[in-house]
Amino acid sequence: MSDETQSSREEDGQRLVDLGASMSRTGRGNIYTLTIIGQIEGHNTLPENTKTTKYEHVMPLLASIELDEEIDGLLLLLNTVGGDIEAGLGLAEMIAGMRKPTASLVLGGGHSIGVPLAVAPKVSMIVPSASMVVHPVRTTGTVIAAPQTFRYFQKVQEGIVSFVTRHSRISPEEFQRLMFATDEMAADVGTVLYGERAVELGLIDQVGTLSDALDRLYEQIEAGKQSS
């Protein structure tokens, strides 16, 4: 094994430990795999015993993936409970703006602000057992009881609805209906969707497995090569 190959493997191993990310090089293309797990951390640091995805790590990483000529595509693996709205939506916007082939696979859960992240890639997939929770914008802590506060939350929610419906096949009316459903969750407003139902409603492109998601990525890579 050459020193260059050994160094590359060591870098890949450290990247997997630090960021839950890895680079796979195959004859069909080089795929960068990135995980979005736990709670998406925003401006406030969460407790050490909470699994988090830190936006200040992922944002520059996404930019470097887009710029790296050795990377042919991005595979996004999601198992998240949601988290900070601005951070999650910012990451989703970056993924949606990438020119490179992208695909997502929802595993376990893609809840709350995880929904925009799931639909941001060019192809979105979900395993049959995974769930997605769609609910209105909410917050914790002190809230100023004023009309301006309500309008702010309303605008944030409109932004999320707009993003999701632009990057999926679901209509704004249907997505908002799911948001405000009162007969789905015992202690909350919203809807829980599992694999096939999420596809039926047009939120996710298709039900599939890891190999299916990789096949869709390779298809995008090959189509890009033929058109260039």
C-alpha atoms as a PDB file:
ATOM      1  CA  MET A   1       0.000   0.000   0.000  1.00  0.00           C
ATOM      2  CA  SER A   2       1.369   3.395  -0.983  1.00  0.00           C
ATOM      3  CA  ASP A   3       1.776   6.222   1.519  1.00  0.00           C
ATOM      4  CA  GLU A   4      -0.820   8.242  -0.416  1.00  0.00           C
ATOM      5  CA  THR A   5      -3.405   5.442  -0.206  1.00  0.00           C
ATOM      6  CA  GLN A   6      -2.719   4.916   3.497  1.00  0.00           C
ATOM      7  CA  SER A   7      -3.087   8.640   4.165  1.00  0.00           C
ATOM      8  CA  SER A   8      -6.363   8.752   2.228  1.00  0.00           C
ATOM      9  CA  ARG A   9      -7.785   5.862   4.243  1.00  0.00           C
ATOM     10  CA  GLU A  10      -6.742   7.471   7.498  1.00  0.00           C
ATOM     11  CA  GLU A  11      -8.452  10.719   6.461  1.00  0.00           C
ATOM     12  CA  ASP A  12     -11.627   8.815   5.544  1.00  0.00           C
ATOM     13  CA  GLY A  13     -11.603   7.031   8.914  1.00  0.00           C
ATOM     14  CA  GLN A  14     -11.149  10.261  10.856  1.00  0.00           C
ATOM     15  CA  ARG A  15     -13.914  11.933   8.824  1.00  0.00           C
ATOM     16  CA  LEU A  16     -16.263   9.075   9.723  1.00  0.00           C
ATOM     17  CA  VAL A  17     -15.481   9.459  13.438  1.00  0.00           C
ATOM     18  CA  ASP A  18     -15.711  13.265  13.510  1.00  0.00           C
ATOM     19  CA  LEU A  19     -18.637  13.956  11.182  1.00  0.00           C
ATOM     20  CA  GLY A  20     -20.387  10.657  10.508  1.00  0.00           C
ATOM     21  CA  ALA A  21     -19.270  11.027   6.907  1.00  0.00           C
ATOM     22  CA  SER A  22     -17.272   8.877   4.493  1.00  0.00           C
ATOM     23  CA  MET A  23     -15.950   8.857   0.937  1.00  0.00           C
ATOM     24  CA  SER A  24     -16.444   5.738  -1.201  1.00  0.00           C
ATOM     25  CA  ARG A  25     -14.556   5.354  -4.479  1.00  0.00           C
ATOM     26  CA  THR A  26     -15.996   2.917  -7.046  1.00  0.00           C
ATOM     27  CA  GLY A  27     -15.805   2.353 -10.783  1.00  0.00           C
ATOM     28  CA  ARG A  28     -19.244   3.937 -11.172  1.00  0.00           C
ATOM     29  CA  GLY A  29     -18.364   7.109  -9.282  1.00  0.00           C
ATOM     30  CA  ASN A  30     -17.056   8.555  -6.037  1.00  0.00           C
ATOM     31  CA  ILE A  31     -19.836   8.967  -3.457  1.00  0.00           C
ATOM     32  CA  TYR A  32     -19.640  11.133  -0.356  1.00  0.00           C
ATOM     33  CA  THR A  33     -21.977   9.840   2.362  1.00  0.00           C
ATOM     34  CA  LEU A  34     -23.159  12.333   4.982  1.00  0.00           C
ATOM     35  CA  THR A  35     -25.403  11.582   7.970  1.00  0.00           C
ATOM     36  CA  ILE A  36     -27.933  13.932   9.531  1.00  0.00           C
ATOM     37  CA  ILE A  37     -28.668  12.420  12.931  1.00  0.00           C
ATOM     38  CA  GLY A  38     -30.188  13.270  16.293  1.00  0.00           C
ATOM     39  CA  GLN A  39     -31.068  16.910  16.793  1.00  0.00           C
ATOM     40  CA  ILE A  40     -29.948  19.637  14.404  1.00  0.00           C
ATOM     41  CA  GLU A  41     -28.030  22.104  16.540  1.00  0.00           C
ATOM     42  CA  GLY A  42     -28.434  25.816  15.889  1.00  0.00           C
ATOM     43  CA  HIS A  43     -27.024  28.832  17.685  1.00  0.00           C
ATOM     44  CA  ASN A  44     -27.294  27.221  21.136  1.00  0.00           C
ATOM     45  CA  THR A  45     -25.108  24.292  22.176  1.00  0.00           C
ATOM     46  CA  LEU A  46     -27.116  21.261  23.258  1.00  0.00           C
ATOM     47  CA  PRO A  47     -26.194  19.004  26.215  1.00  0.00           C
ATOM     48  CA  GLU A  48     -23.292  16.611  25.694  1.00  0.00           C
ATOM     49  CA  ASN A  49     -25.552  13.563  26.089  1.00  0.00           C
ATOM     50  CA  THR A  50     -27.653  14.653  23.075  1.00  0.00           C
ATOM     51  CA  LYS A  51     -26.709  13.354  19.635  1.00  0.00           C
ATOM     52  CA  THR A  52     -26.500  16.355  17.340  1.00  0.00           C
ATOM     53  CA  THR A  53     -25.724  17.491  13.819  1.00  0.00           C
ATOM     54  CA  LYS A  54     -23.862  20.810  14.028  1.00  0.00           C
ATOM     55  CA  TYR A  55     -24.680  23.200  11.213  1.00  0.00           C
ATOM     56  CA  GLU A  56     -21.327  24.995  11.498  1.00  0.00           C
ATOM     57  CA  HIS A  57     -19.653  21.701  10.574  1.00  0.00           C
ATOM     58  CA  VAL A  58     -22.021  20.657   7.802  1.00  0.00           C
ATOM     59  CA  MET A  59     -22.331  23.976   5.935  1.00  0.00           C
ATOM     60  CA  PRO A  60     -18.640  24.278   4.966  1.00  0.00           C
ATOM     61  CA  LEU A  61     -18.549  20.534   4.336  1.00  0.00           C
ATOM     62  CA  LEU A  62     -21.370  20.823   1.786  1.00  0.00           C
ATOM     63  CA  ALA A  63     -19.541  23.665   0.062  1.00  0.00           C
ATOM     64  CA  SER A  64     -16.346  21.610  -0.133  1.00  0.00           C
ATOM     65  CA  ILE A  65     -18.243  18.609  -1.531  1.00  0.00           C
ATOM     66  CA  GLU A  66     -19.698  20.788  -4.298  1.00  0.00           C
ATOM     67  CA  LEU A  67     -16.246  22.174  -5.140  1.00  0.00           C
ATOM     68  CA  ASP A  68     -14.294  18.905  -4.952  1.00  0.00           C
ATOM     69  CA  GLU A  69     -13.763  17.529  -8.462  1.00  0.00           C
ATOM     70  CA  GLU A  70     -13.040  14.053  -7.092  1.00  0.00           C
ATOM     71  CA  ILE A  71     -16.545  13.748  -5.618  1.00  0.00           C
ATOM     72  CA  ASP A  72     -19.234  12.692  -8.099  1.00  0.00           C
ATOM     73  CA  GLY A  73     -22.302  12.596  -5.847  1.00  0.00           C
ATOM     74  CA  LEU A  74     -23.710  13.076  -2.349  1.00  0.00           C
ATOM     75  CA  LEU A  75     -25.726  10.491  -0.416  1.00  0.00           C
ATOM     76  CA  LEU A  76     -27.602  11.940   2.559  1.00  0.00           C
ATOM     77  CA  LEU A  77     -28.662   9.500   5.302  1.00  0.00           C
ATOM     78  CA  LEU A  78     -31.268  10.897   7.701  1.00  0.00           C
ATOM     79  CA  ASN A  79     -32.366   9.780  11.145  1.00  0.00           C
ATOM     80  CA  THR A  80     -33.271  13.042  12.861  1.00  0.00           C
ATOM     81  CA  VAL A  81     -35.874  14.321  15.308  1.00  0.00           C
ATOM     82  CA  GLY A  82     -35.560  17.838  13.843  1.00  0.00           C
ATOM     83  CA  GLY A  83     -34.150  20.802  15.705  1.00  0.00           C
ATOM     84  CA  ASP A  84     -33.238  24.410  14.941  1.00  0.00           C
ATOM     85  CA  ILE A  85     -35.380  25.722  12.082  1.00  0.00           C
ATOM     86  CA  GLU A  86     -32.917  28.266  10.672  1.00  0.00           C
ATOM     87  CA  ALA A  87     -30.014  25.810  10.758  1.00  0.00           C
ATOM     88  CA  GLY A  88     -32.010  22.953   9.237  1.00  0.00           C
ATOM     89  CA  LEU A  89     -33.557  25.070   6.510  1.00  0.00           C
ATOM     90  CA  GLY A  90     -30.170  26.632   5.737  1.00  0.00           C
ATOM     91  CA  LEU A  91     -28.649  23.182   5.247  1.00  0.00           C
ATOM     92  CA  ALA A  92     -31.602  22.151   3.086  1.00  0.00           C
ATOM     93  CA  GLU A  93     -31.153  25.220   0.872  1.00  0.00           C
ATOM     94  CA  MET A  94     -27.465  24.411   0.400  1.00  0.00           C
ATOM     95  CA  ILE A  95     -28.215  20.814  -0.611  1.00  0.00           C
ATOM     96  CA  ALA A  96     -30.969  21.905  -2.978  1.00  0.00           C
ATOM     97  CA  GLY A  97     -28.547  24.356  -4.614  1.00  0.00           C
ATOM     98  CA  MET A  98     -25.882  21.766  -5.407  1.00  0.00           C
ATOM     99  CA  ARG A  99     -25.207  20.948  -9.060  1.00  0.00           C
ATOM    100  CA  LYS A 100     -23.776  17.528  -8.270  1.00  0.00           C
ATOM    101  CA  PRO A 101     -25.992  14.433  -8.116  1.00  0.00           C
ATOM    102  CA  THR A 102     -27.686  14.131  -4.723  1.00  0.00           C
ATOM    103  CA  ALA A 103     -29.964  11.586  -3.082  1.00  0.00           C
ATOM    104  CA  SER A 104     -31.443  11.184   0.387  1.00  0.00           C
ATOM    105  CA  LEU A 105     -32.525   8.101   2.293  1.00  0.00           C
ATOM    106  CA  VAL A 106     -34.728   8.471   5.380  1.00  0.00           C
ATOM    107  CA  LEU A 107     -33.852   5.797   7.939  1.00  0.00           C
ATOM    108  CA  GLY A 108     -35.639   5.652  11.282  1.00  0.00           C
ATOM    109  CA  GLY A 109     -37.022   9.168  11.166  1.00  0.00           C
ATOM    110  CA  GLY A 110     -37.003  12.420   9.247  1.00  0.00           C
ATOM    111  CA  HIS A 111     -39.073  14.567  11.578  1.00  0.00           C
ATOM    112  CA  SER A 112     -39.919  18.261  11.765  1.00  0.00           C
ATOM    113  CA  ILE A 113     -37.183  20.350  10.075  1.00  0.00           C
ATOM    114  CA  GLY A 114     -35.819  17.004   8.871  1.00  0.00           C
ATOM    115  CA  VAL A 115     -38.601  17.034   6.264  1.00  0.00           C
ATOM    116  CA  PRO A 116     -37.047  19.878   4.186  1.00  0.00           C
ATOM    117  CA  LEU A 117     -33.680  18.136   4.476  1.00  0.00           C
ATOM    118  CA  ALA A 118     -35.186  14.887   3.188  1.00  0.00           C
ATOM    119  CA  VAL A 119     -36.725  16.493   0.098  1.00  0.00           C
ATOM    120  CA  ALA A 120     -33.812  18.834  -0.710  1.00  0.00           C
ATOM    121  CA  PRO A 121     -31.750  16.377  -2.825  1.00  0.00           C
ATOM    122  CA  LYS A 122     -32.609  15.667  -6.456  1.00  0.00           C
ATOM    123  CA  VAL A 123     -33.924  12.226  -5.461  1.00  0.00           C
ATOM    124  CA  SER A 124     -35.554  11.448  -2.106  1.00  0.00           C
ATOM    125  CA  MET A 125     -36.136   7.939  -0.768  1.00  0.00           C
ATOM    126  CA  ILE A 126     -37.452   6.358   2.425  1.00  0.00           C
ATOM    127  CA  VAL A 127     -37.277   2.822   3.823  1.00  0.00           C
ATOM    128  CA  PRO A 128     -40.676   1.235   4.556  1.00  0.00           C
ATOM    129  CA  SER A 129     -40.255   1.361   8.348  1.00  0.00           C
ATOM    130  CA  ALA A 130     -39.103   4.991   8.577  1.00  0.00           C
ATOM    131  CA  SER A 131     -41.421   7.746   9.787  1.00  0.00           C
ATOM    132  CA  MET A 132     -41.730  11.459   9.151  1.00  0.00           C
ATOM    133  CA  VAL A 133     -43.525  13.920  11.452  1.00  0.00           C
ATOM    134  CA  VAL A 134     -45.091  17.002   9.874  1.00  0.00           C
ATOM    135  CA  HIS A 135     -46.219  19.689  12.333  1.00  0.00           C
ATOM    136  CA  PRO A 136     -46.530  23.489  12.649  1.00  0.00           C
ATOM    137  CA  VAL A 137     -43.638  25.722  13.687  1.00  0.00           C
ATOM    138  CA  ARG A 138     -43.243  25.808  17.457  1.00  0.00           C
ATOM    139  CA  THR A 139     -40.758  27.057  20.025  1.00  0.00           C
ATOM    140  CA  THR A 140     -39.772  26.692  23.666  1.00  0.00           C
ATOM    141  CA  GLY A 141     -38.926  29.353  26.221  1.00  0.00           C
ATOM    142  CA  THR A 142     -40.246  32.882  26.621  1.00  0.00           C
ATOM    143  CA  VAL A 143     -42.447  34.198  23.820  1.00  0.00           C
ATOM    144  CA  ILE A 144     -43.678  37.794  23.552  1.00  0.00           C
ATOM    145  CA  ALA A 145     -47.471  37.618  23.259  1.00  0.00           C
ATOM    146  CA  ALA A 146     -47.884  40.135  20.460  1.00  0.00           C
ATOM    147  CA  PRO A 147     -49.323  40.085  16.923  1.00  0.00           C
ATOM    148  CA  GLN A 148     -45.804  40.574  15.520  1.00  0.00           C
ATOM    149  CA  THR A 149     -44.717  37.276  17.109  1.00  0.00           C
ATOM    150  CA  PHE A 150     -47.595  35.424  15.474  1.00  0.00           C
ATOM    151  CA  ARG A 151     -46.805  36.967  12.089  1.00  0.00           C
ATOM    152  CA  TYR A 152     -43.136  35.994  12.456  1.00  0.00           C
ATOM    153  CA  PHE A 153     -44.019  32.347  13.091  1.00  0.00           C
ATOM    154  CA  GLN A 154     -46.462  32.484  10.210  1.00  0.00           C
ATOM    155  CA  LYS A 155     -43.761  33.736   7.819  1.00  0.00           C
ATOM    156  CA  VAL A 156     -41.298  31.079   8.975  1.00  0.00           C
ATOM    157  CA  GLN A 157     -43.940  28.417   8.439  1.00  0.00           C
ATOM    158  CA  GLU A 158     -44.756  29.771   4.975  1.00  0.00           C
ATOM    159  CA  GLY A 159     -41.062  29.508   4.105  1.00  0.00           C
ATOM    160  CA  ILE A 160     -40.962  25.856   5.134  1.00  0.00           C
ATOM    161  CA  VAL A 161     -44.156  25.041   3.209  1.00  0.00           C
ATOM    162  CA  SER A 162     -42.781  26.816   0.137  1.00  0.00           C
ATOM    163  CA  PHE A 163     -39.461  24.947   0.257  1.00  0.00           C
ATOM    164  CA  VAL A 164     -41.001  21.515   0.779  1.00  0.00           C
ATOM    165  CA  THR A 165     -43.605  21.920  -1.955  1.00  0.00           C
ATOM    166  CA  ARG A 166     -41.023  23.252  -4.436  1.00  0.00           C
ATOM    167  CA  HIS A 167     -38.805  20.221  -3.906  1.00  0.00           C
ATOM    168  CA  SER A 168     -41.448  17.502  -3.786  1.00  0.00           C
ATOM    169  CA  ARG A 169     -44.743  16.592  -5.460  1.00  0.00           C
ATOM    170  CA  ILE A 170     -47.009  17.451  -2.521  1.00  0.00           C
ATOM    171  CA  SER A 171     -49.274  20.502  -2.819  1.00  0.00           C
ATOM    172  CA  PRO A 172     -49.126  23.415  -0.322  1.00  0.00           C
ATOM    173  CA  GLU A 173     -52.741  22.720   0.676  1.00  0.00           C
ATOM    174  CA  GLU A 174     -52.087  19.048   1.398  1.00  0.00           C
ATOM    175  CA  PHE A 175     -48.884  19.761   3.300  1.00  0.00           C
ATOM    176  CA  GLN A 176     -50.609  22.339   5.499  1.00  0.00           C
ATOM    177  CA  ARG A 177     -53.476  19.907   6.097  1.00  0.00           C
ATOM    178  CA  LEU A 178     -50.947  17.396   7.411  1.00  0.00           C
ATOM    179  CA  MET A 179     -49.373  20.108   9.581  1.00  0.00           C
ATOM    180  CA  PHE A 180     -52.606  20.959  11.360  1.00  0.00           C
ATOM    181  CA  ALA A 181     -54.228  17.526  11.654  1.00  0.00           C
ATOM    182  CA  THR A 182     -55.690  16.994  15.129  1.00  0.00           C
ATOM    183  CA  ASP A 183     -56.536  13.282  15.003  1.00  0.00           C
ATOM    184  CA  GLU A 184     -53.079  11.797  14.397  1.00  0.00           C
ATOM    185  CA  MET A 185     -50.994  12.546  17.506  1.00  0.00           C
ATOM    186  CA  ALA A 186     -52.106  12.190  21.116  1.00  0.00           C
ATOM    187  CA  ALA A 187     -50.357  15.244  22.548  1.00  0.00           C
ATOM    188  CA  ASP A 188     -49.603  17.353  19.494  1.00  0.00           C
ATOM    189  CA  VAL A 189     -50.916  18.761  16.234  1.00  0.00           C
ATOM    190  CA  GLY A 190     -49.562  17.229  13.062  1.00  0.00           C
ATOM    191  CA  THR A 191     -49.203  13.961  11.163  1.00  0.00           C
ATOM    192  CA  VAL A 192     -46.941  10.912  11.312  1.00  0.00           C
ATOM    193  CA  LEU A 193     -46.191   9.427   7.898  1.00  0.00           C
ATOM    194  CA  TYR A 194     -44.521   6.082   7.276  1.00  0.00           C
ATOM    195  CA  GLY A 195     -42.629   5.016   4.145  1.00  0.00           C
ATOM    196  CA  GLU A 196     -45.285   4.177   1.573  1.00  0.00           C
ATOM    197  CA  ARG A 197     -47.730   6.842   2.769  1.00  0.00           C
ATOM    198  CA  ALA A 198     -45.065   9.559   2.428  1.00  0.00           C
ATOM    199  CA  VAL A 199     -44.585   8.463  -1.195  1.00  0.00           C
ATOM    200  CA  GLU A 200     -48.322   8.247  -1.911  1.00  0.00           C
ATOM    201  CA  LEU A 201     -48.764  11.849  -0.778  1.00  0.00           C
ATOM    202  CA  GLY A 202     -45.878  13.030  -2.967  1.00  0.00           C
ATOM    203  CA  LEU A 203     -43.651  14.120  -0.102  1.00  0.00           C
ATOM    204  CA  ILE A 204     -40.930  11.558  -0.931  1.00  0.00           C
ATOM    205  CA  ASP A 205     -40.093  10.233  -4.412  1.00  0.00           C
ATOM    206  CA  GLN A 206     -39.973   6.520  -3.684  1.00  0.00           C
ATOM    207  CA  VAL A 207     -39.679   3.735  -1.136  1.00  0.00           C
ATOM    208  CA  GLY A 208     -36.312   2.039  -1.321  1.00  0.00           C
ATOM    209  CA  THR A 209     -33.210   0.679   0.332  1.00  0.00           C
ATOM    210  CA  LEU A 210     -29.601   1.773   0.514  1.00  0.00           C
ATOM    211  CA  SER A 211     -28.777  -0.038  -2.720  1.00  0.00           C
ATOM    212  CA  ASP A 212     -31.726   1.656  -4.440  1.00  0.00           C
ATOM    213  CA  ALA A 213     -30.519   5.099  -3.325  1.00  0.00           C
ATOM    214  CA  LEU A 214     -27.028   4.336  -4.610  1.00  0.00           C
ATOM    215  CA  ASP A 215     -28.418   3.143  -7.936  1.00  0.00           C
ATOM    216  CA  ARG A 216     -30.320   6.419  -8.357  1.00  0.00           C
ATOM    217  CA  LEU A 217     -27.132   8.345  -7.596  1.00  0.00           C
ATOM    218  CA  TYR A 218     -25.139   6.358 -10.140  1.00  0.00           C
ATOM    219  CA  GLU A 219     -27.891   6.989 -12.712  1.00  0.00           C
ATOM    220  CA  GLN A 220     -27.538  10.744 -12.148  1.00  0.00           C
ATOM    221  CA  ILE A 221     -23.748  10.522 -12.425  1.00  0.00           C
ATOM    222  CA  GLU A 222     -23.937   8.569 -15.687  1.00  0.00           C
ATOM    223  CA  ALA A 223     -26.515  10.966 -17.126  1.00  0.00           C
ATOM    224  CA  GLY A 224     -24.226  13.877 -16.267  1.00  0.00           C
ATOM    225  CA  LYS A 225     -21.297  12.253 -18.029  1.00  0.00           C
ATOM    226  CA  GLN A 226     -23.347  11.629 -21.178  1.00  0.00           C
ATOM    227  CA  SER A 227     -24.601  15.214 -21.337  1.00  0.00           C
ATOM    228  CA  SER A 228     -21.164  16.791 -20.858  1.00  0.00           C
END
